[in-house]
C-alpha atoms as a PDB file:
ATOM      1  CA  MET A   1     187.907 196.820  37.808  1.00  0.00           C
ATOM      2  CA  THR A   2     190.834 195.215  35.995  1.00  0.00           C
ATOM      3  CA  ARG A   3     192.351 197.493  33.372  1.00  0.00           C
ATOM      4  CA  SER A   4     193.211 196.141  29.954  1.00  0.00           C
ATOM      5  CA  THR A   5     196.779 196.408  28.689  1.00  0.00           C
ATOM      6  CA  ARG A   6     195.724 199.205  26.350  1.00  0.00           C
ATOM      7  CA  GLU A   7     194.128 201.139  29.217  1.00  0.00           C
ATOM      8  CA  ARG A   8     197.246 200.713  31.368  1.00  0.00           C
ATOM      9  CA  ILE A   9     199.454 202.004  28.574  1.00  0.00           C
ATOM     10  CA  LEU A  10     197.287 205.092  28.051  1.00  0.00           C
ATOM     11  CA  GLU A  11     196.950 205.917  31.731  1.00  0.00           C
ATOM     12  CA  GLU A  12     200.601 205.379  32.607  1.00  0.00           C
ATOM     13  CA  ALA A  13     201.810 207.195  29.498  1.00  0.00           C
ATOM     14  CA  LEU A  14     199.772 210.302  30.284  1.00  0.00           C
ATOM     15  CA  ARG A  15     201.004 210.239  33.877  1.00  0.00           C
ATOM     16  CA  LEU A  16     204.618 210.059  32.703  1.00  0.00           C
ATOM     17  CA  PHE A  17     204.092 212.758  30.069  1.00  0.00           C
ATOM     18  CA  ALA A  18     202.616 215.002  32.784  1.00  0.00           C
ATOM     19  CA  GLU A  19     205.458 214.311  35.215  1.00  0.00           C
ATOM     20  CA  ARG A  20     208.457 214.332  32.869  1.00  0.00           C
ATOM     21  CA  GLY A  21     207.318 215.753  29.559  1.00  0.00           C
ATOM     22  CA  TYR A  22     206.613 213.994  26.290  1.00  0.00           C
ATOM     23  CA  ALA A  23     210.151 214.173  24.890  1.00  0.00           C
ATOM     24  CA  ALA A  24     211.755 212.925  28.125  1.00  0.00           C
ATOM     25  CA  THR A  25     209.543 209.837  28.350  1.00  0.00           C
ATOM     26  CA  SER A  26     210.678 206.759  26.468  1.00  0.00           C
ATOM     27  CA  VAL A  27     208.579 203.912  25.100  1.00  0.00           C
ATOM     28  CA  ALA A  28     210.463 201.515  27.389  1.00  0.00           C
ATOM     29  CA  GLU A  29     209.495 203.610  30.425  1.00  0.00           C
ATOM     30  CA  ILE A  30     205.851 203.532  29.394  1.00  0.00           C
ATOM     31  CA  GLU A  31     206.023 199.762  28.948  1.00  0.00           C
ATOM     32  CA  SER A  32     207.596 199.308  32.375  1.00  0.00           C
ATOM     33  CA  ALA A  33     204.998 201.533  34.086  1.00  0.00           C
ATOM     34  CA  ALA A  34     202.207 199.621  32.322  1.00  0.00           C
ATOM     35  CA  GLY A  35     203.506 196.276  33.584  1.00  0.00           C
ATOM     36  CA  LEU A  36     205.093 195.206  30.304  1.00  0.00           C
ATOM     37  CA  SER A  37     208.675 194.111  29.721  1.00  0.00           C
ATOM     38  CA  PRO A  38     210.564 197.327  28.949  1.00  0.00           C
ATOM     39  CA  GLY A  39     212.066 197.375  25.488  1.00  0.00           C
ATOM     40  CA  ALA A  40     210.318 194.175  24.401  1.00  0.00           C
ATOM     41  CA  GLY A  41     207.909 195.960  22.083  1.00  0.00           C
ATOM     42  CA  GLY A  42     204.702 195.226  23.972  1.00  0.00           C
ATOM     43  CA  LEU A  43     203.460 198.782  23.434  1.00  0.00           C
ATOM     44  CA  TYR A  44     203.643 198.329  19.662  1.00  0.00           C
ATOM     45  CA  ARG A  45     201.066 195.552  19.790  1.00  0.00           C
ATOM     46  CA  HIS A  46     198.527 198.266  20.607  1.00  0.00           C
ATOM     47  CA  PHE A  47     199.997 201.477  19.157  1.00  0.00           C
ATOM     48  CA  ARG A  48     202.245 202.250  16.231  1.00  0.00           C
ATOM     49  CA  SER A  49     204.258 204.980  17.987  1.00  0.00           C
ATOM     50  CA  LYS A  50     204.676 207.046  21.130  1.00  0.00           C
ATOM     51  CA  TYR A  51     202.808 209.859  19.386  1.00  0.00           C
ATOM     52  CA  GLU A  52     199.839 207.559  18.777  1.00  0.00           C
ATOM     53  CA  VAL A  53     199.788 206.803  22.506  1.00  0.00           C
ATOM     54  CA  LEU A  54     199.729 210.534  23.264  1.00  0.00           C
ATOM     55  CA  ALA A  55     196.970 211.211  20.742  1.00  0.00           C
ATOM     56  CA  ALA A  56     194.838 208.341  22.031  1.00  0.00           C
ATOM     57  CA  SER A  57     195.344 209.462  25.631  1.00  0.00           C
ATOM     58  CA  VAL A  58     194.265 213.011  24.822  1.00  0.00           C
ATOM     59  CA  ASN A  59     191.246 211.970  22.764  1.00  0.00           C
ATOM     60  CA  GLU A  60     189.977 209.417  25.256  1.00  0.00           C
ATOM     61  CA  ARG A  61     190.379 211.772  28.215  1.00  0.00           C
ATOM     62  CA  VAL A  62     188.472 214.468  26.338  1.00  0.00           C
ATOM     63  CA  VAL A  63     185.635 212.059  25.543  1.00  0.00           C
ATOM     64  CA  ARG A  64     185.465 211.067  29.206  1.00  0.00           C
ATOM     65  CA  VAL A  65     185.179 214.621  30.466  1.00  0.00           C
ATOM     66  CA  GLU A  66     182.819 216.043  27.815  1.00  0.00           C
ATOM     67  CA  ALA A  67     179.686 214.841  29.609  1.00  0.00           C
ATOM     68  CA  ARG A  68     180.926 216.221  32.924  1.00  0.00           C
ATOM     69  CA  VAL A  69     181.534 219.632  31.395  1.00  0.00           C
ATOM     70  CA  ALA A  70     178.058 219.651  29.866  1.00  0.00           C
ATOM     71  CA  ALA A  71     176.523 218.797  33.241  1.00  0.00           C
ATOM     72  CA  MET A  72     178.519 221.302  35.301  1.00  0.00           C
ATOM     73  CA  GLY A  73     176.476 223.140  37.883  1.00  0.00           C
ATOM     74  CA  ALA A  74     173.355 220.977  37.668  1.00  0.00           C
ATOM     75  CA  ALA A  75     171.315 222.054  40.677  1.00  0.00           C
ATOM     76  CA  ASP A  76     167.848 222.709  42.020  1.00  0.00           C
ATOM     77  CA  PRO A  77     166.751 226.013  40.421  1.00  0.00           C
ATOM     78  CA  ALA A  78     164.882 226.802  43.632  1.00  0.00           C
ATOM     79  CA  ALA A  79     168.112 226.794  45.665  1.00  0.00           C
ATOM     80  CA  PRO A  80     169.687 230.173  46.540  1.00  0.00           C
ATOM     81  CA  VAL A  81     171.797 231.558  43.705  1.00  0.00           C
ATOM     82  CA  THR A  82     174.884 231.603  45.951  1.00  0.00           C
ATOM     83  CA  GLU A  83     174.449 227.874  46.526  1.00  0.00           C
ATOM     84  CA  ARG A  84     174.084 227.225  42.803  1.00  0.00           C
ATOM     85  CA  LEU A  85     177.139 229.337  41.983  1.00  0.00           C
ATOM     86  CA  THR A  86     179.154 227.491  44.621  1.00  0.00           C
ATOM     87  CA  GLY A  87     178.151 224.195  43.022  1.00  0.00           C
ATOM     88  CA  LEU A  88     179.181 225.483  39.590  1.00  0.00           C
ATOM     89  CA  CYS A  89     182.579 226.618  40.844  1.00  0.00           C
ATOM     90  CA  GLU A  90     183.264 223.389  42.694  1.00  0.00           C
ATOM     91  CA  ALA A  91     182.167 221.304  39.692  1.00  0.00           C
ATOM     92  CA  GLY A  92     184.532 223.227  37.415  1.00  0.00           C
ATOM     93  CA  LEU A  93     187.435 222.799  39.835  1.00  0.00           C
ATOM     94  CA  ALA A  94     186.667 219.083  40.148  1.00  0.00           C
ATOM     95  CA  VAL A  95     186.717 218.595  36.368  1.00  0.00           C
ATOM     96  CA  ILE A  96     190.059 220.376  36.014  1.00  0.00           C
ATOM     97  CA  ARG A  97     191.608 218.644  39.027  1.00  0.00           C
ATOM     98  CA  GLU A  98     190.531 215.209  37.796  1.00  0.00           C
ATOM     99  CA  GLU A  99     192.188 215.982  34.467  1.00  0.00           C
ATOM    100  CA  ASP A 100     195.254 217.686  35.915  1.00  0.00           C
ATOM    101  CA  GLU A 101     197.568 215.384  33.951  1.00  0.00           C
ATOM    102  CA  LEU A 102     195.900 216.339  30.697  1.00  0.00           C
ATOM    103  CA  VAL A 103     196.039 220.044  31.618  1.00  0.00           C
ATOM    104  CA  ARG A 104     199.773 219.843  32.392  1.00  0.00           C
ATOM    105  CA  VAL A 105     200.535 218.013  29.154  1.00  0.00           C
ATOM    106  CA  PHE A 106     198.386 220.495  27.236  1.00  0.00           C
ATOM    107  CA  PHE A 107     200.198 223.586  28.467  1.00  0.00           C
ATOM    108  CA  ARG A 108     203.699 222.104  28.415  1.00  0.00           C
ATOM    109  CA  ASP A 109     203.879 219.793  25.416  1.00  0.00           C
ATOM    110  CA  LEU A 110     200.950 220.048  23.046  1.00  0.00           C
ATOM    111  CA  GLY A 111     202.152 223.255  21.390  1.00  0.00           C
ATOM    112  CA  ARG A 112     204.216 221.048  19.085  1.00  0.00           C
ATOM    113  CA  PHE A 113     201.095 219.086  18.126  1.00  0.00           C
ATOM    114  CA  PRO A 114     198.530 221.642  16.894  1.00  0.00           C
ATOM    115  CA  GLU A 115     196.032 218.947  15.952  1.00  0.00           C
ATOM    116  CA  LEU A 116     195.881 217.835  19.607  1.00  0.00           C
ATOM    117  CA  VAL A 117     195.678 221.426  20.829  1.00  0.00           C
ATOM    118  CA  GLU A 118     192.611 221.761  18.621  1.00  0.00           C
ATOM    119  CA  VAL A 119     191.006 218.691  20.204  1.00  0.00           C
ATOM    120  CA  VAL A 120     191.430 220.055  23.732  1.00  0.00           C
ATOM    121  CA  ARG A 121     190.480 223.585  22.713  1.00  0.00           C
ATOM    122  CA  ALA A 122     187.360 222.670  20.772  1.00  0.00           C
ATOM    123  CA  ARG A 123     186.044 219.835  22.917  1.00  0.00           C
ATOM    124  CA  LEU A 124     187.165 220.637  26.461  1.00  0.00           C
ATOM    125  CA  LEU A 125     188.380 224.154  27.253  1.00  0.00           C
ATOM    126  CA  GLN A 126     186.068 226.276  25.125  1.00  0.00           C
ATOM    127  CA  PRO A 127     183.025 224.121  25.980  1.00  0.00           C
ATOM    128  CA  MET A 128     183.803 224.630  29.668  1.00  0.00           C
ATOM    129  CA  PHE A 129     183.859 228.414  29.249  1.00  0.00           C
ATOM    130  CA  ASP A 130     180.719 228.237  27.109  1.00  0.00           C
ATOM    131  CA  ALA A 131     178.996 226.043  29.702  1.00  0.00           C
ATOM    132  CA  ILE A 132     179.635 228.580  32.447  1.00  0.00           C
ATOM    133  CA  GLY A 133     178.238 231.444  30.369  1.00  0.00           C
ATOM    134  CA  SER A 134     175.230 229.423  29.247  1.00  0.00           C
ATOM    135  CA  TRP A 135     174.557 228.226  32.783  1.00  0.00           C
ATOM    136  CA  LEU A 136     174.471 231.801  34.057  1.00  0.00           C
ATOM    137  CA  CYS A 137     172.118 232.905  31.306  1.00  0.00           C
ATOM    138  CA  ALA A 138     169.752 230.075  32.254  1.00  0.00           C
ATOM    139  CA  GLN A 139     169.442 231.192  35.883  1.00  0.00           C
ATOM    140  CA  PRO A 140     166.221 233.078  36.749  1.00  0.00           C
ATOM    141  CA  GLU A 141     168.167 235.837  38.521  1.00  0.00           C
ATOM    142  CA  TYR A 142     169.645 236.881  35.180  1.00  0.00           C
ATOM    143  CA  ALA A 143     166.602 236.418  32.952  1.00  0.00           C
ATOM    144  CA  GLY A 144     166.448 239.374  30.569  1.00  0.00           C
ATOM    145  CA  ALA A 145     169.827 240.735  31.651  1.00  0.00           C
ATOM    146  CA  ASP A 146     172.250 242.029  29.006  1.00  0.00           C
ATOM    147  CA  LEU A 147     174.858 239.381  29.711  1.00  0.00           C
ATOM    148  CA  ASP A 148     177.989 238.903  27.605  1.00  0.00           C
ATOM    149  CA  ARG A 149     178.043 235.173  28.240  1.00  0.00           C
ATOM    150  CA  SER A 150     181.259 234.416  26.358  1.00  0.00           C
ATOM    151  CA  SER A 151     183.303 237.082  28.158  1.00  0.00           C
ATOM    152  CA  VAL A 152     181.908 236.253  31.569  1.00  0.00           C
ATOM    153  CA  GLY A 153     182.498 232.549  30.925  1.00  0.00           C
ATOM    154  CA  ALA A 154     186.081 233.331  29.908  1.00  0.00           C
ATOM    155  CA  VAL A 155     186.771 235.344  33.071  1.00  0.00           C
ATOM    156  CA  LEU A 156     185.172 232.905  35.491  1.00  0.00           C
ATOM    157  CA  GLY A 157     186.325 229.743  33.703  1.00  0.00           C
ATOM    158  CA  GLY A 158     189.815 231.127  33.185  1.00  0.00           C
ATOM    159  CA  SER A 159     190.205 231.708  36.912  1.00  0.00           C
ATOM    160  CA  LEU A 160     189.408 228.039  37.582  1.00  0.00           C
ATOM    161  CA  VAL A 161     191.993 226.819  35.063  1.00  0.00           C
ATOM    162  CA  HIS A 162     194.596 229.279  36.353  1.00  0.00           C
ATOM    163  CA  CYS A 163     194.029 228.333  39.999  1.00  0.00           C
ATOM    164  CA  LEU A 164     194.782 224.665  39.488  1.00  0.00           C
ATOM    165  CA  LEU A 165     197.491 225.163  36.863  1.00  0.00           C
ATOM    166  CA  PHE A 166     199.300 227.562  39.217  1.00  0.00           C
ATOM    167  CA  GLU A 167     198.977 225.116  42.089  1.00  0.00           C
ATOM    168  CA  GLU A 168     200.298 222.256  39.959  1.00  0.00           C
ATOM    169  CA  THR A 169     203.322 224.177  38.665  1.00  0.00           C
ATOM    170  CA  VAL A 170     204.253 226.302  41.701  1.00  0.00           C
ATOM    171  CA  GLY A 171     203.230 223.942  44.470  1.00  0.00           C
ATOM    172  CA  GLU A 172     200.833 226.274  46.271  1.00  0.00           C
ATOM    173  CA  PRO A 173     197.589 228.008  45.329  1.00  0.00           C
ATOM    174  CA  PRO A 174     197.704 231.520  43.856  1.00  0.00           C
ATOM    175  CA  GLY A 175     197.786 234.087  46.625  1.00  0.00           C
ATOM    176  CA  ARG A 176     198.248 231.162  49.048  1.00  0.00           C
ATOM    177  CA  THR A 177     194.448 231.056  49.234  1.00  0.00           C
ATOM    178  CA  GLU A 178     192.949 227.763  50.389  1.00  0.00           C
ATOM    179  CA  ARG A 179     190.174 226.232  48.337  1.00  0.00           C
ATOM    180  CA  GLU A 180     187.227 227.317  50.493  1.00  0.00           C
ATOM    181  CA  ARG A 181     188.284 230.974  50.365  1.00  0.00           C
ATOM    182  CA  PHE A 182     188.846 230.749  46.623  1.00  0.00           C
ATOM    183  CA  VAL A 183     185.350 229.384  46.034  1.00  0.00           C
ATOM    184  CA  THR A 184     183.792 232.027  48.306  1.00  0.00           C
ATOM    185  CA  SER A 185     185.605 234.812  46.468  1.00  0.00           C
ATOM    186  CA  TRP A 186     184.725 233.325  43.074  1.00  0.00           C
ATOM    187  CA  VAL A 187     181.040 233.373  43.980  1.00  0.00           C
ATOM    188  CA  SER A 188     181.274 236.931  45.294  1.00  0.00           C
ATOM    189  CA  LEU A 189     183.037 238.021  42.116  1.00  0.00           C
ATOM    190  CA  ALA A 190     180.372 236.368  39.979  1.00  0.00           C
ATOM    191  CA  LEU A 191     177.605 238.091  41.923  1.00  0.00           C
ATOM    192  CA  GLY A 192     179.361 241.444  41.739  1.00  0.00           C
ATOM    193  CA  LEU A 193     180.224 241.378  38.032  1.00  0.00           C
ATOM    194  CA  LEU A 194     177.112 239.886  36.516  1.00  0.00           C
ATOM    195  CA  PRO A 195     174.335 242.224  35.432  1.00  0.00           C
ATOM    196  CA  VAL A 196     171.001 241.490  37.073  1.00  0.00           C
ATOM    197  CA  ALA A 197     167.667 241.895  35.371  1.00  0.00           C
ATOM    198  CA  GLN A 198     165.856 245.093  36.226  1.00  0.00           C
ATOM    199  CA  GLY A 199     163.682 244.697  39.305  1.00  0.00           C
ATOM    200  CA  CYS A 200     165.517 241.601  40.541  1.00  0.00           C
ATOM    201  CA  PRO A 201     167.411 242.383  43.759  1.00  0.00           C
ATOM    202  CA  ARG A 202     171.059 241.374  43.952  1.00  0.00           C
ATOM    203  CA  GLU A 203     172.003 239.005  46.727  1.00  0.00           C
ATOM    204  CA  PRO A 204     174.448 240.485  49.243  1.00  0.00           C
ATOM    205  CA  GLU A 205     178.080 239.561  48.749  1.00  0.00           C
ATOM    206  CA  LEU A 206     179.375 236.648  50.761  1.00  0.00           C
ATOM    207  CA  SER A 207     181.436 237.710  53.746  1.00  0.00           C
ATOM    208  CA  GLN A 208     185.154 237.039  53.636  1.00  0.00           C
ATOM    209  CA  THR A 209     186.546 235.174  56.614  1.00  0.00           C
END
């Protein structure tokens, strides 16, 4: 699908902000990356400033990912809980990886723009943590369990964010653990930490290989 000029500006700007930082990226560089004549003012036909490009990029990325966060972990409730947890973990990693540029800009540059931090916090990060906690509470294995959904969501969701942020900034995964082992350990941790309703047997931990 052919991208409009506005879409090219937003996508290329966010890529440059993620790679170089907001302050180090010039309007002319964004124009060049978007296929416009650098320095000719083509960006200003669509946006009033570089900040407006950043704000639009953040807001539109958040809108795009909101539905994916809400649908994280959708699975057959009759499937084994380990299979459902694996799907939840992989869905969370996929959301964060797809938005790795936004995550990098968020942690490196958005501190100077509190209004944009609030957008990402309120509409992306916290909803992801909330979705994990709510998903767990909806599983039959945990029906009636005394589950602190917000804390559990923070621990499990935070590990997903940290895994990919570490990999992006350091160049290798934390603990040099490949993705399959990370997911397996994440599921085992979830099974081991979560309270289970009385009378519902806990599934055995997944073996580490």
